[in-house]
Amino acid sequence: MRDQKERVYSIEKLTKAEFRYALKFNLITQEQYDKYLQELNELTSYIYEKYKDSLAFYDEDWIKINNYYEKIVALNFVRDYTKEDLEEIWLIEM
């Protein structure tokens, strides 16, 4: 079983790359990019700090992560193969 924080890191890395792609090709504005990045950083900072010494996540935190994941895959600028990769990262351990 992969470390839960590793899964969150993979989602974070892939999502950041997608935001950079969208900004580069003017699919989103700089303001939107900053907003998306801030939301992602707030979530991941919270997770990394709360679980720095723990391997198991609480249900309420999985709900936060899932809500964020659902929001990202619903964005119209996120490419299909990125959505598939995110789904694989997210569901592989479920």
PDB file of N, CA and C in Angstrom:
ATOM      1  N   MET A   1       0.851  -1.183   0.000  1.00  0.00           N
ATOM      2  CA  MET A   1       0.000   0.000   0.000  1.00  0.00           C
ATOM      3  C   MET A   1       0.893   1.242   0.000  1.00  0.00           C
ATOM      4  N   ARG A   2       0.606   2.122  -0.900  1.00  0.00           N
ATOM      5  CA  ARG A   2       1.378   3.358  -0.958  1.00  0.00           C
ATOM      6  C   ARG A   2       1.051   4.238   0.226  1.00  0.00           C
ATOM      7  N   ASP A   3       2.033   4.977   0.654  1.00  0.00           N
ATOM      8  CA  ASP A   3       1.849   5.945   1.722  1.00  0.00           C
ATOM      9  C   ASP A   3       0.793   6.956   1.271  1.00  0.00           C
ATOM     10  N   GLN A   4      -0.108   7.289   2.168  1.00  0.00           N
ATOM     11  CA  GLN A   4      -1.197   8.215   1.830  1.00  0.00           C
ATOM     12  C   GLN A   4      -0.649   9.577   1.407  1.00  0.00           C
ATOM     13  N   LYS A   5       0.401  10.023   2.084  1.00  0.00           N
ATOM     14  CA  LYS A   5       0.989  11.323   1.737  1.00  0.00           C
ATOM     15  C   LYS A   5       1.604  11.288   0.347  1.00  0.00           C
ATOM     16  N   GLU A   6       2.098  10.131  -0.064  1.00  0.00           N
ATOM     17  CA  GLU A   6       2.636   9.981  -1.417  1.00  0.00           C
ATOM     18  C   GLU A   6       1.518  10.156  -2.451  1.00  0.00           C
ATOM     19  N   ARG A   7       0.356   9.644  -2.162  1.00  0.00           N
ATOM     20  CA  ARG A   7      -0.784   9.812  -3.066  1.00  0.00           C
ATOM     21  C   ARG A   7      -1.173  11.275  -3.172  1.00  0.00           C
ATOM     22  N   VAL A   8      -1.211  11.968  -2.031  1.00  0.00           N
ATOM     23  CA  VAL A   8      -1.542  13.394  -2.032  1.00  0.00           C
ATOM     24  C   VAL A   8      -0.484  14.168  -2.807  1.00  0.00           C
ATOM     25  N   TYR A   9       0.779  13.806  -2.621  1.00  0.00           N
ATOM     26  CA  TYR A   9       1.870  14.469  -3.344  1.00  0.00           C
ATOM     27  C   TYR A   9       1.714  14.256  -4.849  1.00  0.00           C
ATOM     28  N   SER A  10       1.344  13.048  -5.266  1.00  0.00           N
ATOM     29  CA  SER A  10       1.152  12.768  -6.691  1.00  0.00           C
ATOM     30  C   SER A  10       0.018  13.599  -7.279  1.00  0.00           C
ATOM     31  N   ILE A  11      -1.078  13.716  -6.538  1.00  0.00           N
ATOM     32  CA  ILE A  11      -2.197  14.549  -6.976  1.00  0.00           C
ATOM     33  C   ILE A  11      -1.747  16.003  -7.071  1.00  0.00           C
ATOM     34  N   GLU A  12      -1.005  16.452  -6.068  1.00  0.00           N
ATOM     35  CA  GLU A  12      -0.509  17.831  -6.050  1.00  0.00           C
ATOM     36  C   GLU A  12       0.394  18.107  -7.254  1.00  0.00           C
ATOM     37  N   LYS A  13       1.328  17.226  -7.510  1.00  0.00           N
ATOM     38  CA  LYS A  13       2.289  17.402  -8.604  1.00  0.00           C
ATOM     39  C   LYS A  13       1.578  17.447  -9.964  1.00  0.00           C
ATOM     40  N   LEU A  14       0.685  16.516 -10.194  1.00  0.00           N
ATOM     41  CA  LEU A  14      -0.038  16.449 -11.458  1.00  0.00           C
ATOM     42  C   LEU A  14      -0.956  17.654 -11.640  1.00  0.00           C
ATOM     43  N   THR A  15      -1.607  18.071 -10.573  1.00  0.00           N
ATOM     44  CA  THR A  15      -2.517  19.208 -10.634  1.00  0.00           C
ATOM     45  C   THR A  15      -1.762  20.500 -10.909  1.00  0.00           C
ATOM     46  N   LYS A  16      -0.632  20.696 -10.253  1.00  0.00           N
ATOM     47  CA  LYS A  16       0.186  21.887 -10.502  1.00  0.00           C
ATOM     48  C   LYS A  16       0.629  21.942 -11.959  1.00  0.00           C
ATOM     49  N   ALA A  17       1.024  20.805 -12.499  1.00  0.00           N
ATOM     50  CA  ALA A  17       1.439  20.750 -13.908  1.00  0.00           C
ATOM     51  C   ALA A  17       0.280  21.131 -14.828  1.00  0.00           C
ATOM     52  N   GLU A  18      -0.903  20.699 -14.492  1.00  0.00           N
ATOM     53  CA  GLU A  18      -2.077  21.022 -15.309  1.00  0.00           C
ATOM     54  C   GLU A  18      -2.402  22.511 -15.234  1.00  0.00           C
ATOM     55  N   PHE A  19      -2.271  23.088 -14.066  1.00  0.00           N
ATOM     56  CA  PHE A  19      -2.489  24.529 -13.923  1.00  0.00           C
ATOM     57  C   PHE A  19      -1.472  25.318 -14.753  1.00  0.00           C
ATOM     58  N   ARG A  20      -0.205  24.889 -14.709  1.00  0.00           N
ATOM     59  CA  ARG A  20       0.830  25.579 -15.500  1.00  0.00           C
ATOM     60  C   ARG A  20       0.528  25.476 -16.995  1.00  0.00           C
ATOM     61  N   TYR A  21       0.099  24.293 -17.432  1.00  0.00           N
ATOM     62  CA  TYR A  21      -0.263  24.085 -18.837  1.00  0.00           C
ATOM     63  C   TYR A  21      -1.402  25.030 -19.234  1.00  0.00           C
ATOM     64  N   ALA A  22      -2.437  25.084 -18.408  1.00  0.00           N
ATOM     65  CA  ALA A  22      -3.599  25.919 -18.706  1.00  0.00           C
ATOM     66  C   ALA A  22      -3.215  27.394 -18.774  1.00  0.00           C
ATOM     67  N   LEU A  23      -2.350  27.823 -17.888  1.00  0.00           N
ATOM     68  CA  LEU A  23      -1.892  29.214 -17.897  1.00  0.00           C
ATOM     69  C   LEU A  23      -1.048  29.497 -19.137  1.00  0.00           C
ATOM     70  N   LYS A  24      -0.161  28.582 -19.463  1.00  0.00           N
ATOM     71  CA  LYS A  24       0.724  28.747 -20.624  1.00  0.00           C
ATOM     72  C   LYS A  24      -0.064  28.923 -21.919  1.00  0.00           C
ATOM     73  N   PHE A  25      -1.147  28.194 -22.061  1.00  0.00           N
ATOM     74  CA  PHE A  25      -1.940  28.255 -23.287  1.00  0.00           C
ATOM     75  C   PHE A  25      -3.191  29.130 -23.141  1.00  0.00           C
ATOM     76  N   ASN A  26      -3.173  30.009 -22.148  1.00  0.00           N
ATOM     77  CA  ASN A  26      -4.240  30.992 -21.934  1.00  0.00           C
ATOM     78  C   ASN A  26      -5.624  30.370 -21.778  1.00  0.00           C
ATOM     79  N   LEU A  27      -5.667  29.200 -21.166  1.00  0.00           N
ATOM     80  CA  LEU A  27      -6.944  28.567 -20.869  1.00  0.00           C
ATOM     81  C   LEU A  27      -7.521  29.104 -19.564  1.00  0.00           C
ATOM     82  N   ILE A  28      -6.642  29.667 -18.739  1.00  0.00           N
ATOM     83  CA  ILE A  28      -7.035  30.342 -17.510  1.00  0.00           C
ATOM     84  C   ILE A  28      -6.210  31.625 -17.384  1.00  0.00           C
ATOM     85  N   THR A  29      -6.700  32.535 -16.575  1.00  0.00           N
ATOM     86  CA  THR A  29      -5.975  33.784 -16.344  1.00  0.00           C
ATOM     87  C   THR A  29      -4.961  33.599 -15.220  1.00  0.00           C
ATOM     88  N   GLN A  30      -4.084  34.573 -15.093  1.00  0.00           N
ATOM     89  CA  GLN A  30      -3.119  34.539 -13.990  1.00  0.00           C
ATOM     90  C   GLN A  30      -3.840  34.551 -12.651  1.00  0.00           C
ATOM     91  N   GLU A  31      -4.918  35.303 -12.570  1.00  0.00           N
ATOM     92  CA  GLU A  31      -5.700  35.363 -11.336  1.00  0.00           C
ATOM     93  C   GLU A  31      -6.303  33.997 -10.994  1.00  0.00           C
ATOM     94  N   GLN A  32      -6.866  33.322 -11.990  1.00  0.00           N
ATOM     95  CA  GLN A  32      -7.420  31.992 -11.766  1.00  0.00           C
ATOM     96  C   GLN A  32      -6.312  31.015 -11.358  1.00  0.00           C
ATOM     97  N   TYR A  33      -5.199  31.097 -12.042  1.00  0.00           N
ATOM     98  CA  TYR A  33      -4.057  30.240 -11.730  1.00  0.00           C
ATOM     99  C   TYR A  33      -3.649  30.419 -10.270  1.00  0.00           C
ATOM    100  N   ASP A  34      -3.508  31.668  -9.842  1.00  0.00           N
ATOM    101  CA  ASP A  34      -3.124  31.955  -8.465  1.00  0.00           C
ATOM    102  C   ASP A  34      -4.146  31.405  -7.477  1.00  0.00           C
ATOM    103  N   LYS A  35      -5.422  31.546  -7.812  1.00  0.00           N
ATOM    104  CA  LYS A  35      -6.497  31.047  -6.940  1.00  0.00           C
ATOM    105  C   LYS A  35      -6.446  29.527  -6.828  1.00  0.00           C
ATOM    106  N   TYR A  36      -6.324  28.852  -7.980  1.00  0.00           N
ATOM    107  CA  TYR A  36      -6.254  27.386  -7.969  1.00  0.00           C
ATOM    108  C   TYR A  36      -5.034  26.901  -7.191  1.00  0.00           C
ATOM    109  N   LEU A  37      -3.915  27.551  -7.397  1.00  0.00           N
ATOM    110  CA  LEU A  37      -2.688  27.177  -6.713  1.00  0.00           C
ATOM    111  C   LEU A  37      -2.793  27.418  -5.209  1.00  0.00           C
ATOM    112  N   GLN A  38      -3.410  28.511  -4.812  1.00  0.00           N
ATOM    113  CA  GLN A  38      -3.588  28.811  -3.396  1.00  0.00           C
ATOM    114  C   GLN A  38      -4.449  27.749  -2.727  1.00  0.00           C
ATOM    115  N   GLU A  39      -5.551  27.368  -3.367  1.00  0.00           N
ATOM    116  CA  GLU A  39      -6.424  26.326  -2.812  1.00  0.00           C
ATOM    117  C   GLU A  39      -5.658  25.014  -2.647  1.00  0.00           C
ATOM    118  N   LEU A  40      -4.902  24.654  -3.664  1.00  0.00           N
ATOM    119  CA  LEU A  40      -4.120  23.423  -3.612  1.00  0.00           C
ATOM    120  C   LEU A  40      -3.085  23.487  -2.502  1.00  0.00           C
ATOM    121  N   ASN A  41      -2.383  24.601  -2.400  1.00  0.00           N
ATOM    122  CA  ASN A  41      -1.356  24.749  -1.367  1.00  0.00           C
ATOM    123  C   ASN A  41      -1.950  24.715   0.038  1.00  0.00           C
ATOM    124  N   GLU A  42      -3.121  25.311   0.209  1.00  0.00           N
ATOM    125  CA  GLU A  42      -3.776  25.278   1.519  1.00  0.00           C
ATOM    126  C   GLU A  42      -4.132  23.843   1.908  1.00  0.00           C
ATOM    127  N   LEU A  43      -4.674  23.097   0.976  1.00  0.00           N
ATOM    128  CA  LEU A  43      -5.042  21.716   1.260  1.00  0.00           C
ATOM    129  C   LEU A  43      -3.813  20.860   1.553  1.00  0.00           C
ATOM    130  N   THR A  44      -2.826  20.929   0.705  1.00  0.00           N
ATOM    131  CA  THR A  44      -1.652  20.071   0.896  1.00  0.00           C
ATOM    132  C   THR A  44      -0.844  20.481   2.126  1.00  0.00           C
ATOM    133  N   SER A  45      -0.744  21.757   2.397  1.00  0.00           N
ATOM    134  CA  SER A  45      -0.033  22.201   3.603  1.00  0.00           C
ATOM    135  C   SER A  45      -0.727  21.665   4.852  1.00  0.00           C
ATOM    136  N   TYR A  46      -2.050  21.742   4.850  1.00  0.00           N
ATOM    137  CA  TYR A  46      -2.834  21.214   5.961  1.00  0.00           C
ATOM    138  C   TYR A  46      -2.567  19.714   6.139  1.00  0.00           C
ATOM    139  N   ILE A  47      -2.624  18.972   5.048  1.00  0.00           N
ATOM    140  CA  ILE A  47      -2.424  17.520   5.105  1.00  0.00           C
ATOM    141  C   ILE A  47      -1.016  17.189   5.572  1.00  0.00           C
ATOM    142  N   TYR A  48      -0.026  17.814   4.966  1.00  0.00           N
ATOM    143  CA  TYR A  48       1.359  17.504   5.324  1.00  0.00           C
ATOM    144  C   TYR A  48       1.661  17.856   6.775  1.00  0.00           C
ATOM    145  N   GLU A  49       1.119  18.949   7.257  1.00  0.00           N
ATOM    146  CA  GLU A  49       1.368  19.347   8.642  1.00  0.00           C
ATOM    147  C   GLU A  49       0.638  18.421   9.615  1.00  0.00           C
ATOM    148  N   LYS A  50      -0.614  18.144   9.328  1.00  0.00           N
ATOM    149  CA  LYS A  50      -1.407  17.317  10.235  1.00  0.00           C
ATOM    150  C   LYS A  50      -0.880  15.889  10.319  1.00  0.00           C
ATOM    151  N   TYR A  51      -0.361  15.388   9.214  1.00  0.00           N
ATOM    152  CA  TYR A  51       0.046  13.988   9.159  1.00  0.00           C
ATOM    153  C   TYR A  51       1.550  13.797   9.027  1.00  0.00           C
ATOM    154  N   LYS A  52       2.318  14.767   9.482  1.00  0.00           N
ATOM    155  CA  LYS A  52       3.761  14.650   9.343  1.00  0.00           C
ATOM    156  C   LYS A  52       4.330  13.455  10.104  1.00  0.00           C
ATOM    157  N   ASP A  53       3.668  13.031  11.157  1.00  0.00           N
ATOM    158  CA  ASP A  53       4.145  11.891  11.940  1.00  0.00           C
ATOM    159  C   ASP A  53       3.175  10.716  11.929  1.00  0.00           C
ATOM    160  N   SER A  54       2.251  10.710  10.995  1.00  0.00           N
ATOM    161  CA  SER A  54       1.221   9.674  10.966  1.00  0.00           C
ATOM    162  C   SER A  54       1.047   9.141   9.549  1.00  0.00           C
ATOM    163  N   LEU A  55       0.700   7.873   9.441  1.00  0.00           N
ATOM    164  CA  LEU A  55       0.480   7.270   8.128  1.00  0.00           C
ATOM    165  C   LEU A  55      -0.996   7.193   7.756  1.00  0.00           C
ATOM    166  N   ALA A  56      -1.880   7.178   8.737  1.00  0.00           N
ATOM    167  CA  ALA A  56      -3.306   7.005   8.485  1.00  0.00           C
ATOM    168  C   ALA A  56      -4.030   8.349   8.517  1.00  0.00           C
ATOM    169  N   PHE A  57      -4.906   8.545   7.550  1.00  0.00           N
ATOM    170  CA  PHE A  57      -5.701   9.767   7.479  1.00  0.00           C
ATOM    171  C   PHE A  57      -7.061   9.528   8.117  1.00  0.00           C
ATOM    172  N   TYR A  58      -7.626  10.592   8.667  1.00  0.00           N
ATOM    173  CA  TYR A  58      -8.979  10.527   9.205  1.00  0.00           C
ATOM    174  C   TYR A  58      -9.993  10.686   8.064  1.00  0.00           C
ATOM    175  N   ASP A  59     -11.175  10.129   8.280  1.00  0.00           N
ATOM    176  CA  ASP A  59     -12.222  10.176   7.251  1.00  0.00           C
ATOM    177  C   ASP A  59     -12.545  11.599   6.801  1.00  0.00           C
ATOM    178  N   GLU A  60     -12.625  12.533   7.756  1.00  0.00           N
ATOM    179  CA  GLU A  60     -12.984  13.904   7.383  1.00  0.00           C
ATOM    180  C   GLU A  60     -11.928  14.532   6.459  1.00  0.00           C
ATOM    181  N   ASP A  61     -10.692  14.098   6.594  1.00  0.00           N
ATOM    182  CA  ASP A  61      -9.657  14.627   5.711  1.00  0.00           C
ATOM    183  C   ASP A  61      -9.710  13.976   4.333  1.00  0.00           C
ATOM    184  N   TRP A  62     -10.089  12.701   4.293  1.00  0.00           N
ATOM    185  CA  TRP A  62     -10.302  12.083   2.984  1.00  0.00           C
ATOM    186  C   TRP A  62     -11.442  12.780   2.254  1.00  0.00           C
ATOM    187  N   ILE A  63     -12.445  13.204   3.003  1.00  0.00           N
ATOM    188  CA  ILE A  63     -13.573  13.922   2.397  1.00  0.00           C
ATOM    189  C   ILE A  63     -13.086  15.241   1.801  1.00  0.00           C
ATOM    190  N   LYS A  64     -12.230  15.974   2.526  1.00  0.00           N
ATOM    191  CA  LYS A  64     -11.661  17.218   2.002  1.00  0.00           C
ATOM    192  C   LYS A  64     -10.862  16.967   0.736  1.00  0.00           C
ATOM    193  N   ILE A  65     -10.036  15.937   0.764  1.00  0.00           N
ATOM    194  CA  ILE A  65      -9.216  15.611  -0.404  1.00  0.00           C
ATOM    195  C   ILE A  65     -10.109  15.198  -1.570  1.00  0.00           C
ATOM    196  N   ASN A  66     -11.110  14.377  -1.297  1.00  0.00           N
ATOM    197  CA  ASN A  66     -12.020  13.927  -2.344  1.00  0.00           C
ATOM    198  C   ASN A  66     -12.786  15.099  -2.949  1.00  0.00           C
ATOM    199  N   ASN A  67     -13.254  16.012  -2.127  1.00  0.00           N
ATOM    200  CA  ASN A  67     -13.970  17.179  -2.642  1.00  0.00           C
ATOM    201  C   ASN A  67     -13.079  18.003  -3.557  1.00  0.00           C
ATOM    202  N   TYR A  68     -11.823  18.156  -3.177  1.00  0.00           N
ATOM    203  CA  TYR A  68     -10.889  18.901  -4.019  1.00  0.00           C
ATOM    204  C   TYR A  68     -10.662  18.158  -5.337  1.00  0.00           C
ATOM    205  N   TYR A  69     -10.426  16.861  -5.249  1.00  0.00           N
ATOM    206  CA  TYR A  69     -10.233  16.027  -6.437  1.00  0.00           C
ATOM    207  C   TYR A  69     -11.432  16.146  -7.385  1.00  0.00           C
ATOM    208  N   GLU A  70     -12.626  16.041  -6.846  1.00  0.00           N
ATOM    209  CA  GLU A  70     -13.848  16.147  -7.658  1.00  0.00           C
ATOM    210  C   GLU A  70     -13.934  17.506  -8.335  1.00  0.00           C
ATOM    211  N   LYS A  71     -13.542  18.548  -7.635  1.00  0.00           N
ATOM    212  CA  LYS A  71     -13.558  19.896  -8.197  1.00  0.00           C
ATOM    213  C   LYS A  71     -12.579  20.009  -9.369  1.00  0.00           C
ATOM    214  N   ILE A  72     -11.402  19.441  -9.207  1.00  0.00           N
ATOM    215  CA  ILE A  72     -10.376  19.531 -10.249  1.00  0.00           C
ATOM    216  C   ILE A  72     -10.796  18.783 -11.506  1.00  0.00           C
ATOM    217  N   VAL A  73     -11.269  17.561 -11.375  1.00  0.00           N
ATOM    218  CA  VAL A  73     -11.631  16.803 -12.565  1.00  0.00           C
ATOM    219  C   VAL A  73     -12.859  17.378 -13.264  1.00  0.00           C
ATOM    220  N   ALA A  74     -13.605  18.234 -12.585  1.00  0.00           N
ATOM    221  CA  ALA A  74     -14.766  18.878 -13.199  1.00  0.00           C
ATOM    222  C   ALA A  74     -14.402  20.130 -14.002  1.00  0.00           C
ATOM    223  N   LEU A  75     -13.179  20.631 -13.824  1.00  0.00           N
ATOM    224  CA  LEU A  75     -12.764  21.836 -14.548  1.00  0.00           C
ATOM    225  C   LEU A  75     -12.648  21.547 -16.039  1.00  0.00           C
ATOM    226  N   ASN A  76     -13.161  22.462 -16.857  1.00  0.00           N
ATOM    227  CA  ASN A  76     -13.198  22.200 -18.299  1.00  0.00           C
ATOM    228  C   ASN A  76     -11.839  22.260 -18.974  1.00  0.00           C
ATOM    229  N   PHE A  77     -10.840  22.888 -18.370  1.00  0.00           N
ATOM    230  CA  PHE A  77      -9.535  22.967 -19.011  1.00  0.00           C
ATOM    231  C   PHE A  77      -8.626  21.781 -18.685  1.00  0.00           C
ATOM    232  N   VAL A  78      -9.014  20.945 -17.745  1.00  0.00           N
ATOM    233  CA  VAL A  78      -8.189  19.795 -17.379  1.00  0.00           C
ATOM    234  C   VAL A  78      -8.315  18.750 -18.480  1.00  0.00           C
ATOM    235  N   ARG A  79      -7.175  18.344 -19.011  1.00  0.00           N
ATOM    236  CA  ARG A  79      -7.146  17.392 -20.123  1.00  0.00           C
ATOM    237  C   ARG A  79      -7.607  16.001 -19.685  1.00  0.00           C
ATOM    238  N   ASP A  80      -8.175  15.252 -20.627  1.00  0.00           N
ATOM    239  CA  ASP A  80      -8.724  13.932 -20.318  1.00  0.00           C
ATOM    240  C   ASP A  80      -7.679  12.984 -19.748  1.00  0.00           C
ATOM    241  N   TYR A  81      -6.475  12.968 -20.330  1.00  0.00           N
ATOM    242  CA  TYR A  81      -5.480  12.031 -19.818  1.00  0.00           C
ATOM    243  C   TYR A  81      -5.020  12.418 -18.411  1.00  0.00           C
ATOM    244  N   THR A  82      -5.079  13.698 -18.087  1.00  0.00           N
ATOM    245  CA  THR A  82      -4.759  14.122 -16.721  1.00  0.00           C
ATOM    246  C   THR A  82      -5.841  13.651 -15.767  1.00  0.00           C
ATOM    247  N   LYS A  83      -7.089  13.762 -16.191  1.00  0.00           N
ATOM    248  CA  LYS A  83      -8.193  13.266 -15.364  1.00  0.00           C
ATOM    249  C   LYS A  83      -8.038  11.766 -15.114  1.00  0.00           C
ATOM    250  N   GLU A  84      -7.649  11.026 -16.147  1.00  0.00           N
ATOM    251  CA  GLU A  84      -7.443   9.584 -15.998  1.00  0.00           C
ATOM    252  C   GLU A  84      -6.301   9.286 -15.032  1.00  0.00           C
ATOM    253  N   ASP A  85      -5.219  10.045 -15.146  1.00  0.00           N
ATOM    254  CA  ASP A  85      -4.092   9.868 -14.226  1.00  0.00           C
ATOM    255  C   ASP A  85      -4.492  10.188 -12.795  1.00  0.00           C
ATOM    256  N   LEU A  86      -5.235  11.271 -12.612  1.00  0.00           N
ATOM    257  CA  LEU A  86      -5.707  11.630 -11.269  1.00  0.00           C
ATOM    258  C   LEU A  86      -6.621  10.544 -10.711  1.00  0.00           C
ATOM    259  N   GLU A  87      -7.488  10.029 -11.564  1.00  0.00           N
ATOM    260  CA  GLU A  87      -8.393   8.969 -11.125  1.00  0.00           C
ATOM    261  C   GLU A  87      -7.602   7.732 -10.707  1.00  0.00           C
ATOM    262  N   GLU A  88      -6.589   7.380 -11.478  1.00  0.00           N
ATOM    263  CA  GLU A  88      -5.772   6.221 -11.133  1.00  0.00           C
ATOM    264  C   GLU A  88      -5.051   6.439  -9.803  1.00  0.00           C
ATOM    265  N   ILE A  89      -4.473   7.603  -9.616  1.00  0.00           N
ATOM    266  CA  ILE A  89      -3.793   7.920  -8.352  1.00  0.00           C
ATOM    267  C   ILE A  89      -4.791   7.848  -7.204  1.00  0.00           C
ATOM    268  N   TRP A  90      -5.962   8.416  -7.438  1.00  0.00           N
ATOM    269  CA  TRP A  90      -6.956   8.506  -6.376  1.00  0.00           C
ATOM    270  C   TRP A  90      -7.554   7.149  -6.032  1.00  0.00           C
ATOM    271  N   LEU A  91      -7.876   6.369  -7.036  1.00  0.00           N
ATOM    272  CA  LEU A  91      -8.641   5.137  -6.810  1.00  0.00           C
ATOM    273  C   LEU A  91      -7.788   3.888  -6.611  1.00  0.00           C
ATOM    274  N   ILE A  92      -6.519   3.959  -6.927  1.00  0.00           N
ATOM    275  CA  ILE A  92      -5.692   2.754  -6.919  1.00  0.00           C
ATOM    276  C   ILE A  92      -5.696   2.039  -5.573  1.00  0.00           C
ATOM    277  N   GLU A  93      -5.793   2.774  -4.506  1.00  0.00           N
ATOM    278  CA  GLU A  93      -5.756   2.165  -3.177  1.00  0.00           C
ATOM    279  C   GLU A  93      -7.135   1.952  -2.573  1.00  0.00           C
ATOM    280  N   MET A  94      -8.165   2.441  -3.237  1.00  0.00           N
ATOM    281  CA  MET A  94      -9.509   2.359  -2.653  1.00  0.00           C
ATOM    282  C   MET A  94     -10.059   0.954  -2.733  1.00  0.00           C
TER     283      MET A  94
END
